[in-house]
Amino acid sequence: MSREPKSGEIYLEFRSVGRQVQVIAMDAATGIEVSAFGPNSASQGDLKRIAIRKLQRRIEQEREAAGGRSDPSLY
């Protein structure tokens, strides 16, 4: 089954790396991906917020680099 990604849809992956957790956030529409690390003791919600904010900032940077042109797949 195939479906088109929705604007703003984000995939998250949590992976333990030693005593840290790596969070990977990917925007479904653009394929832009970022990762963030935090201690195992951090809550999953906090790590999720950090990764999503980092992804949103990266999308803003991509938009600025494109000369401010409006891309409907970017936030």
N, C-alpha and C. Protein backbone atom coordinates (compact mmCIF):
# COMPACT_ATOMS: atom_id res chain seq x y z
N MET A 1 0.84 -1.16 0.00
CA MET A 1 0.00 0.00 0.00
C MET A 1 0.89 1.24 0.00
N SER A 2 0.55 2.19 -0.83
CA SER A 2 1.33 3.41 -0.98
C SER A 2 0.45 4.61 -0.68
N ARG A 3 1.02 5.62 -0.06
CA ARG A 3 0.28 6.84 0.19
C ARG A 3 1.24 8.01 0.14
N GLU A 4 0.71 9.15 -0.18
CA GLU A 4 1.51 10.37 -0.25
C GLU A 4 1.72 10.91 1.16
N PRO A 5 2.95 11.36 1.49
CA PRO A 5 3.17 11.95 2.81
C PRO A 5 2.44 13.28 2.94
N LYS A 6 1.96 13.55 4.13
CA LYS A 6 1.26 14.80 4.41
C LYS A 6 2.27 15.87 4.81
N SER A 7 1.98 17.10 4.48
CA SER A 7 2.84 18.20 4.89
C SER A 7 2.89 18.25 6.42
N GLY A 8 4.08 18.35 6.97
CA GLY A 8 4.24 18.40 8.42
C GLY A 8 4.37 17.04 9.08
N GLU A 9 4.26 15.97 8.31
CA GLU A 9 4.39 14.62 8.88
C GLU A 9 5.87 14.35 9.16
N ILE A 10 6.17 13.90 10.37
CA ILE A 10 7.55 13.66 10.80
C ILE A 10 7.68 12.24 11.31
N TYR A 11 8.74 11.57 10.86
CA TYR A 11 9.06 10.23 11.35
C TYR A 11 10.16 10.37 12.40
N LEU A 12 10.03 9.66 13.51
CA LEU A 12 11.03 9.69 14.58
C LEU A 12 11.55 8.28 14.83
N GLU A 13 12.85 8.20 15.07
CA GLU A 13 13.48 6.92 15.42
C GLU A 13 14.36 7.15 16.64
N PHE A 14 14.20 6.32 17.65
CA PHE A 14 15.01 6.38 18.87
C PHE A 14 15.93 5.17 18.88
N ARG A 15 17.23 5.42 19.11
CA ARG A 15 18.21 4.34 19.09
C ARG A 15 19.19 4.53 20.25
N SER A 16 19.36 3.49 21.06
CA SER A 16 20.34 3.54 22.15
C SER A 16 21.74 3.38 21.60
N VAL A 17 22.63 4.28 22.02
CA VAL A 17 24.03 4.22 21.61
C VAL A 17 24.85 4.37 22.89
N GLY A 18 25.24 3.24 23.46
CA GLY A 18 25.96 3.28 24.73
C GLY A 18 25.08 3.86 25.82
N ARG A 19 25.57 4.93 26.46
CA ARG A 19 24.81 5.57 27.53
C ARG A 19 24.02 6.77 27.03
N GLN A 20 23.86 6.85 25.72
CA GLN A 20 23.11 7.94 25.11
C GLN A 20 21.98 7.40 24.26
N VAL A 21 21.07 8.28 23.88
CA VAL A 21 19.99 7.94 22.96
C VAL A 21 20.11 8.86 21.76
N GLN A 22 20.10 8.28 20.57
CA GLN A 22 20.10 9.06 19.34
C GLN A 22 18.66 9.14 18.86
N VAL A 23 18.23 10.35 18.52
CA VAL A 23 16.89 10.55 17.97
C VAL A 23 17.07 11.06 16.55
N ILE A 24 16.45 10.38 15.60
CA ILE A 24 16.49 10.80 14.21
C ILE A 24 15.10 11.27 13.84
N ALA A 25 15.02 12.48 13.30
CA ALA A 25 13.74 13.05 12.86
C ALA A 25 13.82 13.30 11.36
N MET A 26 12.80 12.85 10.63
CA MET A 26 12.79 13.02 9.18
C MET A 26 11.44 13.59 8.75
N ASP A 27 11.50 14.63 7.92
CA ASP A 27 10.29 15.21 7.35
C ASP A 27 9.85 14.33 6.19
N ALA A 28 8.63 13.82 6.24
CA ALA A 28 8.15 12.87 5.24
C ALA A 28 8.04 13.49 3.85
N ALA A 29 7.66 14.75 3.78
CA ALA A 29 7.43 15.38 2.48
C ALA A 29 8.72 15.74 1.76
N THR A 30 9.75 16.16 2.51
CA THR A 30 10.98 16.63 1.88
C THR A 30 12.13 15.64 1.97
N GLY A 31 12.07 14.73 2.93
CA GLY A 31 13.17 13.79 3.13
C GLY A 31 14.32 14.38 3.92
N ILE A 32 14.17 15.61 4.42
CA ILE A 32 15.21 16.23 5.23
C ILE A 32 15.27 15.50 6.57
N GLU A 33 16.50 15.17 6.98
CA GLU A 33 16.71 14.36 8.18
C GLU A 33 17.75 15.01 9.08
N VAL A 34 17.50 14.98 10.39
CA VAL A 34 18.46 15.47 11.39
C VAL A 34 18.53 14.45 12.51
N SER A 35 19.61 14.54 13.29
CA SER A 35 19.70 13.67 14.46
C SER A 35 20.16 14.49 15.66
N ALA A 36 19.80 14.02 16.83
CA ALA A 36 20.18 14.65 18.09
C ALA A 36 20.49 13.55 19.08
N PHE A 37 21.35 13.86 20.04
CA PHE A 37 21.72 12.90 21.08
C PHE A 37 21.36 13.46 22.44
N GLY A 38 21.06 12.57 23.36
CA GLY A 38 20.79 12.96 24.73
C GLY A 38 21.11 11.80 25.65
N PRO A 39 21.17 12.05 26.96
CA PRO A 39 21.46 10.98 27.91
C PRO A 39 20.29 10.01 28.02
N ASN A 40 20.60 8.78 28.40
CA ASN A 40 19.54 7.78 28.61
C ASN A 40 18.52 8.24 29.65
N SER A 41 18.95 9.10 30.57
CA SER A 41 18.06 9.56 31.63
C SER A 41 17.05 10.61 31.16
N ALA A 42 17.26 11.19 29.99
CA ALA A 42 16.33 12.20 29.47
C ALA A 42 15.02 11.54 29.06
N SER A 43 13.93 12.28 29.22
CA SER A 43 12.63 11.71 28.84
C SER A 43 12.52 11.68 27.31
N GLN A 44 11.75 10.71 26.83
CA GLN A 44 11.55 10.57 25.39
C GLN A 44 10.87 11.82 24.83
N GLY A 45 9.98 12.41 25.60
CA GLY A 45 9.29 13.63 25.17
C GLY A 45 10.24 14.79 24.96
N ASP A 46 11.21 14.95 25.89
CA ASP A 46 12.19 16.03 25.76
C ASP A 46 13.06 15.82 24.52
N LEU A 47 13.52 14.60 24.32
CA LEU A 47 14.35 14.30 23.16
C LEU A 47 13.58 14.51 21.86
N LYS A 48 12.32 14.14 21.88
CA LYS A 48 11.46 14.32 20.71
C LYS A 48 11.33 15.80 20.37
N ARG A 49 11.08 16.64 21.38
CA ARG A 49 10.94 18.09 21.15
C ARG A 49 12.23 18.69 20.59
N ILE A 50 13.37 18.26 21.11
CA ILE A 50 14.66 18.77 20.63
C ILE A 50 14.85 18.41 19.16
N ALA A 51 14.59 17.15 18.81
CA ALA A 51 14.77 16.70 17.43
C ALA A 51 13.82 17.42 16.48
N ILE A 52 12.58 17.62 16.89
CA ILE A 52 11.61 18.29 16.03
C ILE A 52 11.99 19.76 15.83
N ARG A 53 12.43 20.43 16.90
CA ARG A 53 12.87 21.82 16.76
C ARG A 53 14.08 21.93 15.83
N LYS A 54 15.00 20.98 15.97
CA LYS A 54 16.18 20.97 15.11
C LYS A 54 15.77 20.75 13.65
N LEU A 55 14.82 19.86 13.41
CA LEU A 55 14.33 19.61 12.06
C LEU A 55 13.64 20.85 11.50
N GLN A 56 12.82 21.51 12.29
CA GLN A 56 12.14 22.72 11.81
C GLN A 56 13.14 23.81 11.45
N ARG A 57 14.19 23.95 12.26
CA ARG A 57 15.23 24.94 11.96
C ARG A 57 15.94 24.60 10.66
N ARG A 58 16.23 23.33 10.46
CA ARG A 58 16.90 22.91 9.22
C ARG A 58 16.02 23.19 8.01
N ILE A 59 14.72 22.96 8.14
CA ILE A 59 13.79 23.24 7.05
C ILE A 59 13.76 24.74 6.76
N GLU A 60 13.78 25.57 7.81
CA GLU A 60 13.84 27.02 7.62
C GLU A 60 15.11 27.42 6.88
N GLN A 61 16.24 26.81 7.25
CA GLN A 61 17.50 27.12 6.58
C GLN A 61 17.44 26.72 5.10
N GLU A 62 16.84 25.58 4.81
CA GLU A 62 16.69 25.15 3.42
C GLU A 62 15.84 26.14 2.64
N ARG A 63 14.78 26.62 3.27
CA ARG A 63 13.89 27.59 2.62
C ARG A 63 14.65 28.89 2.33
N GLU A 64 15.44 29.37 3.31
CA GLU A 64 16.22 30.59 3.13
C GLU A 64 17.25 30.41 2.02
N ALA A 65 17.87 29.24 1.97
CA ALA A 65 18.87 28.97 0.94
C ALA A 65 18.24 28.92 -0.45
N ALA A 66 16.96 28.59 -0.51
CA ALA A 66 16.26 28.53 -1.79
C ALA A 66 15.78 29.92 -2.21
N GLY A 67 16.18 30.95 -1.48
CA GLY A 67 15.81 32.31 -1.83
C GLY A 67 14.43 32.70 -1.37
N GLY A 68 13.92 32.00 -0.39
CA GLY A 68 12.61 32.34 0.15
C GLY A 68 11.45 31.90 -0.71
N ARG A 69 11.74 31.14 -1.77
CA ARG A 69 10.64 30.65 -2.61
C ARG A 69 9.75 29.74 -1.78
N SER A 70 8.49 29.83 -2.00
CA SER A 70 7.54 29.02 -1.25
C SER A 70 7.50 27.61 -1.80
N ASP A 71 7.82 26.65 -0.97
CA ASP A 71 7.74 25.23 -1.32
C ASP A 71 6.64 24.63 -0.46
N PRO A 72 5.56 24.17 -1.07
CA PRO A 72 4.44 23.67 -0.27
C PRO A 72 4.78 22.47 0.60
N SER A 73 5.89 21.79 0.31
CA SER A 73 6.25 20.63 1.13
C SER A 73 7.01 21.04 2.39
N LEU A 74 7.46 22.31 2.45
CA LEU A 74 8.14 22.80 3.64
C LEU A 74 7.13 23.50 4.53
N TYR A 75 7.30 23.41 5.84
CA TYR A 75 6.37 23.97 6.83
C TYR A 75 5.92 25.35 6.44
